Protein backbone atom coordinates (compact mmCIF):
# COMPACT_ATOMS: atom_id res chain seq x y z
CA MET A 1 -16.45 27.59 31.07
CA THR A 2 -14.17 27.96 33.40
CA ASP A 3 -11.43 30.80 33.40
CA THR A 4 -8.81 28.45 35.25
CA PRO A 5 -5.87 27.40 32.53
CA ASP A 6 -5.91 23.44 32.11
CA TYR A 7 -1.95 22.68 32.38
CA GLU A 8 -2.37 18.87 32.40
CA PRO A 9 -0.84 18.69 28.96
CA MET A 10 1.78 20.40 30.21
CA PHE A 11 2.28 17.99 33.05
CA ALA A 12 1.57 15.26 30.81
CA ALA A 13 4.31 16.72 28.51
CA LEU A 14 7.10 16.52 31.51
CA CYS A 15 6.30 13.45 32.30
CA ALA A 16 6.16 11.87 28.96
CA GLU A 17 9.10 14.02 27.42
CA LEU A 18 11.29 13.85 30.45
CA GLY A 19 10.42 11.43 32.82
CA ILE A 20 9.56 13.87 35.77
CA CYS A 21 6.11 12.56 36.55
CA LEU A 22 4.67 15.32 39.27
CA HIS A 23 2.44 14.13 42.30
CA ALA A 24 -0.81 15.84 42.60
CA LYS A 25 0.60 18.21 45.12
CA GLY A 26 3.80 18.75 43.22
CA GLN A 27 1.94 20.44 40.29
CA PRO A 28 0.42 23.33 42.29
CA ARG A 29 3.59 24.38 43.35
CA VAL A 30 5.07 24.64 39.73
CA VAL A 31 1.50 26.90 38.95
CA ALA A 32 2.14 29.03 41.52
CA ALA A 33 5.57 29.55 40.40
CA LEU A 34 5.05 30.22 36.95
CA PRO A 35 4.28 33.76 37.84
CA ASN A 36 7.66 34.17 38.48
CA GLY A 37 8.81 33.17 35.44
CA LEU A 38 10.14 29.93 33.82
CA ASP A 39 12.98 29.65 35.92
CA ALA A 40 11.33 29.31 39.32
CA ALA A 41 8.57 27.35 37.58
CA VAL A 42 11.64 25.13 36.53
CA LYS A 43 13.06 24.92 40.70
CA ALA A 44 9.51 24.33 41.82
CA ALA A 45 9.75 21.18 39.79
CA PHE A 46 12.89 19.94 40.31
CA ALA A 47 12.03 20.45 44.23
CA ALA A 48 8.82 18.79 43.76
CA GLU A 49 10.21 15.31 41.85
CA GLY A 50 13.05 15.61 44.79
CA ILE A 51 15.64 16.44 42.42
CA ASP A 52 18.64 18.53 43.46
CA ILE A 53 18.74 21.62 41.69
CA LEU A 54 22.40 22.57 42.13
CA GLY A 55 23.55 18.89 41.11
CA ALA A 56 21.54 18.64 37.74
CA SER A 57 22.99 19.26 34.63
CA GLY A 58 22.42 22.60 32.47
CA GLU A 59 21.39 20.41 29.62
CA LEU A 60 18.46 19.18 32.07
CA LYS A 61 17.20 22.44 33.17
CA ARG A 62 17.06 23.51 29.78
CA GLN A 63 15.03 20.70 28.64
CA VAL A 64 12.23 21.05 31.83
CA ARG A 65 12.48 24.83 30.92
CA ASP A 66 12.14 24.35 27.02
CA CYS A 67 9.19 21.66 27.64
CA LEU A 68 7.37 24.25 30.17
CA LYS A 69 7.66 27.05 27.79
CA ALA A 70 6.65 24.63 24.92
CA ASN A 71 3.41 23.36 26.45
CA LEU A 72 2.18 26.20 28.97
CA PRO A 73 -1.59 26.97 28.62
CA ALA A 74 -2.67 29.17 26.01
CA GLY A 75 -3.81 32.46 27.69
């Protein structure tokens, strides 16, 4: 048994629902940002995907935030 949360479903949902499919190096950046809040995780996801956070629509930011929140591992 492990104490490490499984973030794979969260990243799978982000990819399937929004087309933001983070690579193996990008995923840890998002996980590392999560303790700083969902907004920090959204910024990390955008940076990992190469999306300009300043140029992204508010709608896309909200969708990514909502997707991360809905699919966070229990714990």
